Amino acid sequence: MLFFMLKQLVFGHKNPDTDAIVAAIAFSHLENQLGENTEPVALGKPNDETKFVLAHFKQQAPRVVTSVADEVKAVMLVDHNEAQQSVADRDKVQVTKVVDHHRIANFDTSKPLYYRAEPVGCTSTIITKLYHENQVEIPEKIAGLMLSAIISDTLLLKSPTTTDDDKKVVQELAEIAHIDANQYGVEELRAGTNVDDKSAADLIASDAKSFTMNGKSVRVAQINTVDVNDVFKRQAEFESAIKDSLTTNNYDLFFLMVTNILDSNTEALVLGTPTEPVETAFKQKLSAQQRLALPGVVSRKKQVVPPLTAAFDETK
């Protein structure tokens, strides 16, 4: 019993989005209400959208860590499970709990653990259920934060990852937080779309995840905008930043999604090798500008990673 009363850190994935940071805050709060001693931390600084959310609800951002084994013996993971998306020294601590809504890959533990995974649009949807299951009241601020995370992950319930559970939870959390979800949601999403005052290197790193596909290291990044031309007018700059990232991080392929949140369409910029699985996955050839038009595609998790993984698996 003593071991589990020692402090544990709770965190989401690298290059954290709103759900990664909010889920850590919300799950840590829940665990502390249940008698655990936890602290939410982050594996990177909050992006503009998340800064908007934290400021709106007067919530301090979790401190950023790059290692955990020097602080604690055990951790809890939210919004991720894959090793390459987690803290570098995760193998040196015990993972006691995971709450996630992604695929399970490159994950193993030496001891049993609590693992909660559901195919919903957002980790915060699952955490809302956990509050109910444990009969813990959701505070107004936590409700607002989790509402924001679901709005972010589902693009205001427009993403194909959205489930009936997400819709139900959004309605509930909006009532607790006393917020008009639609009006607030548009403000939140717009807060994360300013690209003009950021470098290409920062933009391709702000919301990016690495995946191993048939032995190849594939980086999939996403930039949300209200006008894809705001990004592609700087294509040369983005190509240079991507090539530097490929070399520095030993990625084989870099897939940059530029998503218009207003019309739910994506244009992708693809650099590296091999490109054949990309063309197979999306049934079209890359343009001379190394781009793909992906109408109706907004979800990395559901609409990009699965077909890419399948296409790579078919590669001889």
Protein backbone atom coordinates (compact mmCIF):
# COMPACT_ATOMS: atom_id res chain seq x y z
CA MET A 1 0.00 0.00 0.00
CA LEU A 2 2.88 2.36 0.81
CA PHE A 3 4.20 2.19 -2.75
CA PHE A 4 1.00 3.49 -4.25
CA MET A 5 0.92 6.43 -1.83
CA LEU A 6 4.21 7.68 -3.23
CA LYS A 7 3.90 10.51 -5.69
CA GLN A 8 3.15 9.62 -9.30
CA LEU A 9 3.31 11.89 -12.33
CA VAL A 10 0.47 11.98 -14.86
CA PHE A 11 1.18 13.10 -18.41
CA GLY A 12 0.11 12.95 -22.04
CA HIS A 13 2.21 12.62 -25.18
CA LYS A 14 5.08 14.72 -26.51
CA ASN A 15 4.15 17.87 -28.44
CA PRO A 16 1.02 18.01 -26.31
CA ASP A 17 -2.30 19.12 -27.71
CA THR A 18 -5.21 20.32 -25.60
CA ASP A 19 -6.41 16.81 -24.72
CA ALA A 20 -2.93 15.66 -23.66
CA ILE A 21 -2.62 18.51 -21.18
CA VAL A 22 -6.23 18.62 -20.02
CA ALA A 23 -6.47 14.85 -19.59
CA ALA A 24 -3.41 14.94 -17.35
CA ILE A 25 -4.96 17.70 -15.22
CA ALA A 26 -8.38 16.05 -15.02
CA PHE A 27 -7.16 12.50 -14.39
CA SER A 28 -4.70 13.69 -11.76
CA HIS A 29 -7.51 15.54 -9.99
CA LEU A 30 -9.69 12.43 -10.07
CA GLU A 31 -6.93 10.17 -8.78
CA ASN A 32 -6.16 12.59 -5.94
CA GLN A 33 -9.84 12.60 -4.97
CA LEU A 34 -9.60 8.82 -4.79
CA GLY A 35 -6.65 8.94 -2.41
CA GLU A 36 -3.64 8.85 -4.73
CA ASN A 37 -0.78 11.37 -4.66
CA THR A 38 -0.33 12.59 -8.23
CA GLU A 39 0.84 15.66 -10.13
CA PRO A 40 -0.07 16.50 -13.73
CA VAL A 41 2.93 17.40 -15.88
CA ALA A 42 3.49 17.91 -19.61
CA LEU A 43 6.05 16.71 -22.12
CA GLY A 44 6.12 20.07 -23.87
CA LYS A 45 4.76 23.59 -23.73
CA PRO A 46 1.08 24.23 -24.52
CA ASN A 47 0.22 25.37 -28.04
CA ASP A 48 -1.79 28.52 -28.77
CA GLU A 49 -5.14 26.77 -28.58
CA THR A 50 -4.28 25.19 -25.24
CA LYS A 51 -3.00 28.51 -23.91
CA PHE A 52 -6.38 30.01 -24.81
CA VAL A 53 -8.17 27.23 -22.95
CA LEU A 54 -5.99 27.46 -19.84
CA ALA A 55 -6.34 31.24 -19.72
CA HIS A 56 -10.10 31.08 -20.22
CA PHE A 57 -10.52 28.81 -17.21
CA LYS A 58 -7.73 30.40 -15.16
CA GLN A 59 -5.85 27.12 -14.98
CA GLN A 60 -2.09 27.09 -14.52
CA ALA A 61 -0.21 25.11 -17.15
CA PRO A 62 1.45 21.94 -15.85
CA ARG A 63 5.20 22.13 -15.51
CA VAL A 64 7.19 20.65 -18.39
CA VAL A 65 9.39 17.62 -17.79
CA THR A 66 11.87 15.83 -20.04
CA SER A 67 12.53 12.92 -17.67
CA VAL A 68 10.65 11.29 -14.81
CA ALA A 69 12.83 8.58 -13.29
CA ASP A 70 14.79 11.12 -11.27
CA GLU A 71 11.55 12.19 -9.54
CA VAL A 72 9.23 9.19 -9.17
CA LYS A 73 9.09 5.43 -9.36
CA ALA A 74 5.70 5.23 -11.09
CA VAL A 75 3.65 7.18 -13.62
CA MET A 76 0.20 7.29 -15.19
CA LEU A 77 -0.26 7.86 -18.92
CA VAL A 78 -3.11 9.66 -20.63
CA ASP A 79 -3.84 10.20 -24.33
CA HIS A 80 -1.01 7.94 -25.49
CA ASN A 81 0.68 4.62 -24.96
CA GLU A 82 3.31 4.25 -27.70
CA ALA A 83 6.87 4.49 -26.41
CA GLN A 84 8.09 6.93 -29.07
CA GLN A 85 5.36 9.38 -28.10
CA SER A 86 6.19 9.26 -24.39
CA VAL A 87 8.91 10.48 -22.05
CA ALA A 88 12.38 9.21 -22.94
CA ASP A 89 13.01 7.34 -19.68
CA ARG A 90 9.60 5.73 -19.34
CA ASP A 91 11.23 2.30 -19.31
CA LYS A 92 12.89 3.20 -16.01
CA VAL A 93 9.61 3.65 -14.10
CA GLN A 94 6.48 1.57 -13.56
CA VAL A 95 3.38 2.51 -15.54
CA THR A 96 0.47 1.94 -13.15
CA LYS A 97 -2.44 3.32 -15.21
CA VAL A 98 -3.23 4.24 -18.81
CA VAL A 99 -6.29 6.05 -20.14
CA ASP A 100 -6.24 6.42 -23.90
CA HIS A 101 -8.28 6.46 -27.10
CA HIS A 102 -5.58 5.54 -29.63
CA ARG A 103 -4.27 2.30 -31.07
CA ILE A 104 -2.05 0.20 -28.81
CA ALA A 105 1.45 -0.26 -30.19
CA ASN A 106 5.04 -0.50 -28.94
CA PHE A 107 3.74 -0.85 -25.40
CA ASP A 108 4.55 -3.44 -22.78
CA THR A 109 5.00 -3.55 -19.02
CA SER A 110 6.70 -5.88 -16.57
CA LYS A 111 3.83 -5.69 -14.06
CA PRO A 112 0.04 -5.69 -14.30
CA LEU A 113 -1.64 -2.31 -14.60
CA TYR A 114 -4.95 -0.57 -15.00
CA TYR A 115 -5.59 0.09 -18.70
CA ARG A 116 -8.69 1.88 -19.99
CA ALA A 117 -8.97 2.33 -23.75
CA GLU A 118 -12.08 3.21 -25.72
CA PRO A 119 -12.57 4.11 -29.41
CA VAL A 120 -14.00 7.55 -28.72
CA GLY A 121 -13.02 10.97 -30.01
CA CYS A 122 -11.15 12.16 -26.96
CA THR A 123 -9.47 10.88 -23.81
CA SER A 124 -11.40 13.43 -21.76
CA THR A 125 -14.62 11.68 -22.76
CA ILE A 126 -13.34 8.54 -21.04
CA ILE A 127 -12.18 10.48 -18.00
CA THR A 128 -15.64 12.01 -17.67
CA LYS A 129 -17.01 8.47 -17.46
CA LEU A 130 -14.43 7.62 -14.81
CA TYR A 131 -15.60 10.52 -12.65
CA HIS A 132 -19.13 9.09 -12.81
CA GLU A 133 -18.06 5.50 -12.22
CA ASN A 134 -16.14 6.55 -9.13
CA GLN A 135 -18.96 8.85 -7.97
CA VAL A 136 -16.71 11.92 -7.92
CA GLU A 137 -18.31 15.26 -8.73
CA ILE A 138 -16.81 17.10 -11.71
CA PRO A 139 -15.81 20.66 -10.70
CA GLU A 140 -16.90 23.47 -13.00
CA LYS A 141 -13.34 24.31 -14.06
CA ILE A 142 -12.47 20.67 -14.81
CA ALA A 143 -15.69 20.37 -16.81
CA GLY A 144 -14.73 23.40 -18.90
CA LEU A 145 -11.25 22.05 -19.50
CA MET A 146 -12.49 18.61 -20.56
CA LEU A 147 -15.14 20.18 -22.77
CA SER A 148 -12.35 22.14 -24.47
CA ALA A 149 -10.32 18.97 -25.02
CA ILE A 150 -13.24 17.21 -26.72
CA ILE A 151 -13.93 20.25 -28.89
CA SER A 152 -10.28 20.24 -29.92
CA ASP A 153 -9.96 16.52 -30.67
CA THR A 154 -13.27 16.28 -32.54
CA LEU A 155 -13.12 19.70 -34.24
CA LEU A 156 -16.33 20.71 -32.51
CA LEU A 157 -17.87 17.25 -33.08
CA LYS A 158 -17.25 17.38 -36.86
CA SER A 159 -14.44 14.84 -36.99
CA PRO A 160 -15.24 11.25 -38.04
CA THR A 161 -13.70 10.18 -34.73
CA THR A 162 -16.71 11.69 -32.95
CA THR A 163 -18.99 9.19 -31.23
CA ASP A 164 -22.36 9.43 -29.54
CA ASP A 165 -20.49 9.26 -26.23
CA ASP A 166 -18.52 12.39 -27.14
CA LYS A 167 -21.71 14.24 -28.07
CA LYS A 168 -23.42 13.26 -24.84
CA VAL A 169 -20.43 14.25 -22.73
CA VAL A 170 -20.06 17.61 -24.49
CA GLN A 171 -23.66 18.47 -23.62
CA GLU A 172 -23.14 17.42 -20.01
CA LEU A 173 -19.84 19.27 -19.53
CA ALA A 174 -21.18 22.43 -21.18
CA GLU A 175 -24.00 22.47 -18.65
CA ILE A 176 -21.63 22.00 -15.71
CA ALA A 177 -19.28 24.69 -17.03
CA HIS A 178 -22.15 27.04 -17.96
CA ILE A 179 -20.83 27.48 -21.50
CA ASP A 180 -22.36 27.62 -24.97
CA ALA A 181 -20.28 24.85 -26.54
CA ASN A 182 -20.73 26.02 -30.14
CA GLN A 183 -19.90 29.66 -29.56
CA TYR A 184 -17.00 28.91 -27.26
CA GLY A 185 -15.78 26.08 -29.50
CA VAL A 186 -15.39 28.32 -32.54
CA GLU A 187 -13.37 30.80 -30.47
CA GLU A 188 -11.19 28.00 -29.14
CA LEU A 189 -10.44 26.45 -32.54
CA ARG A 190 -9.67 29.83 -34.10
CA ALA A 191 -7.20 30.54 -31.30
CA GLY A 192 -5.01 27.75 -32.61
CA THR A 193 -4.97 28.72 -36.29
CA ASN A 194 -2.60 31.70 -36.41
CA VAL A 195 0.42 30.60 -38.45
CA ASP A 196 1.88 33.85 -39.73
CA ASP A 197 3.96 34.72 -36.67
CA LYS A 198 5.45 31.21 -36.20
CA SER A 199 8.39 29.56 -37.89
CA ALA A 200 7.84 26.53 -40.09
CA ALA A 201 10.01 24.48 -37.71
CA ASP A 202 7.76 25.36 -34.78
CA LEU A 203 4.58 24.67 -36.72
CA ILE A 204 5.58 21.19 -37.90
CA ALA A 205 6.56 20.28 -34.35
CA SER A 206 3.58 21.71 -32.49
CA ASP A 207 1.18 18.82 -33.20
CA ALA A 208 3.16 15.85 -34.46
CA LYS A 209 3.44 12.17 -33.64
CA SER A 210 5.84 9.43 -34.70
CA PHE A 211 4.74 5.98 -35.86
CA THR A 212 6.63 2.84 -36.80
CA MET A 213 5.18 1.37 -39.98
CA ASN A 214 6.75 -1.84 -41.28
CA GLY A 215 10.11 -0.82 -39.87
CA LYS A 216 9.94 2.75 -41.16
CA SER A 217 9.79 5.82 -38.93
CA VAL A 218 6.88 7.96 -40.10
CA ARG A 219 6.19 11.41 -38.69
CA VAL A 220 2.63 12.71 -39.08
CA ALA A 221 2.12 16.39 -38.21
CA GLN A 222 -1.00 18.52 -38.44
CA ILE A 223 -1.57 22.26 -38.73
CA ASN A 224 -5.09 23.61 -38.35
CA THR A 225 -5.92 26.77 -40.25
CA VAL A 226 -8.79 28.71 -41.77
CA ASP A 227 -6.93 29.10 -45.08
CA VAL A 228 -4.46 26.48 -46.35
CA ASN A 229 -2.85 29.13 -48.54
CA ASP A 230 -1.53 30.77 -45.37
CA VAL A 231 0.67 27.70 -45.02
CA PHE A 232 1.47 26.82 -48.61
CA LYS A 233 2.52 30.34 -49.57
CA ARG A 234 5.54 29.39 -47.42
CA GLN A 235 6.01 25.91 -48.87
CA ALA A 236 9.74 26.33 -49.48
CA GLU A 237 10.21 27.23 -45.82
CA PHE A 238 8.18 24.21 -44.73
CA GLU A 239 10.11 21.89 -47.04
CA SER A 240 13.39 23.10 -45.56
CA ALA A 241 12.15 22.60 -42.00
CA ILE A 242 10.83 19.12 -42.82
CA LYS A 243 14.09 18.06 -44.48
CA ASP A 244 16.00 19.23 -41.41
CA SER A 245 13.63 17.23 -39.21
CA LEU A 246 14.03 14.12 -41.37
CA THR A 247 17.81 14.31 -41.06
CA THR A 248 18.02 15.30 -37.41
CA ASN A 249 15.51 12.74 -36.14
CA ASN A 250 16.17 9.92 -38.61
CA TYR A 251 12.59 9.88 -39.86
CA ASP A 252 12.03 8.05 -43.12
CA LEU A 253 8.87 9.89 -44.13
CA PHE A 254 7.22 13.14 -43.06
CA PHE A 255 3.49 13.59 -43.70
CA LEU A 256 2.26 17.14 -42.97
CA MET A 257 -1.51 17.61 -42.80
CA VAL A 258 -2.73 21.17 -43.37
CA THR A 259 -6.37 21.10 -42.29
CA ASN A 260 -9.00 23.77 -42.92
CA ILE A 261 -11.22 23.68 -39.84
CA LEU A 262 -13.98 25.57 -41.63
CA ASP A 263 -14.58 23.15 -44.50
CA SER A 264 -13.04 19.99 -42.96
CA ASN A 265 -10.62 19.40 -45.83
CA THR A 266 -6.90 18.67 -45.72
CA GLU A 267 -4.01 19.20 -48.10
CA ALA A 268 -0.91 17.16 -47.30
CA LEU A 269 2.77 17.83 -47.98
CA VAL A 270 4.81 14.62 -48.13
CA LEU A 271 8.60 14.40 -48.07
CA GLY A 272 11.01 11.51 -47.55
CA THR A 273 10.81 7.90 -48.64
CA PRO A 274 9.14 5.67 -49.52
CA THR A 275 6.27 7.63 -51.04
CA GLU A 276 4.66 4.65 -52.78
CA PRO A 277 2.68 3.59 -49.67
CA VAL A 278 1.31 7.14 -49.42
CA GLU A 279 0.03 7.03 -52.98
CA THR A 280 -1.38 3.55 -52.38
CA ALA A 281 -3.10 4.59 -49.15
CA PHE A 282 -4.86 7.57 -50.68
CA LYS A 283 -5.24 6.23 -54.24
CA GLN A 284 -3.60 9.20 -55.93
CA LYS A 285 -0.20 10.35 -57.11
CA LEU A 286 1.71 13.08 -55.34
CA SER A 287 1.62 16.33 -57.30
CA ALA A 288 4.77 17.98 -58.63
CA GLN A 289 4.70 20.01 -55.41
CA GLN A 290 4.73 16.79 -53.33
CA ARG A 291 1.16 17.42 -52.21
CA LEU A 292 -2.09 15.47 -51.89
CA ALA A 293 -5.63 16.84 -51.78
CA LEU A 294 -7.61 15.02 -49.09
CA PRO A 295 -11.21 16.25 -49.06
CA GLY A 296 -13.10 15.39 -45.91
CA VAL A 297 -9.98 14.27 -44.08
CA VAL A 298 -9.42 15.86 -40.68
CA SER A 299 -8.38 13.02 -38.37
CA ARG A 300 -4.81 11.77 -38.16
CA LYS A 301 -5.87 8.90 -35.91
CA LYS A 302 -8.74 7.57 -38.01
CA GLN A 303 -8.23 8.79 -41.57
CA VAL A 304 -4.46 8.96 -42.06
CA VAL A 305 -2.56 6.56 -39.80
CA PRO A 306 -4.70 3.43 -40.48
CA PRO A 307 -4.53 3.57 -44.31
CA LEU A 308 -0.85 4.51 -44.19
CA THR A 309 -0.09 1.61 -41.85
CA ALA A 310 -1.98 -0.82 -44.08
CA ALA A 311 -0.17 0.43 -47.18
CA PHE A 312 3.23 0.11 -45.52
CA ASP A 313 2.37 -3.40 -44.36
CA GLU A 314 1.71 -4.33 -48.00
CA THR A 315 5.15 -3.08 -49.02
CA LYS A 316 7.57 -5.89 -49.83
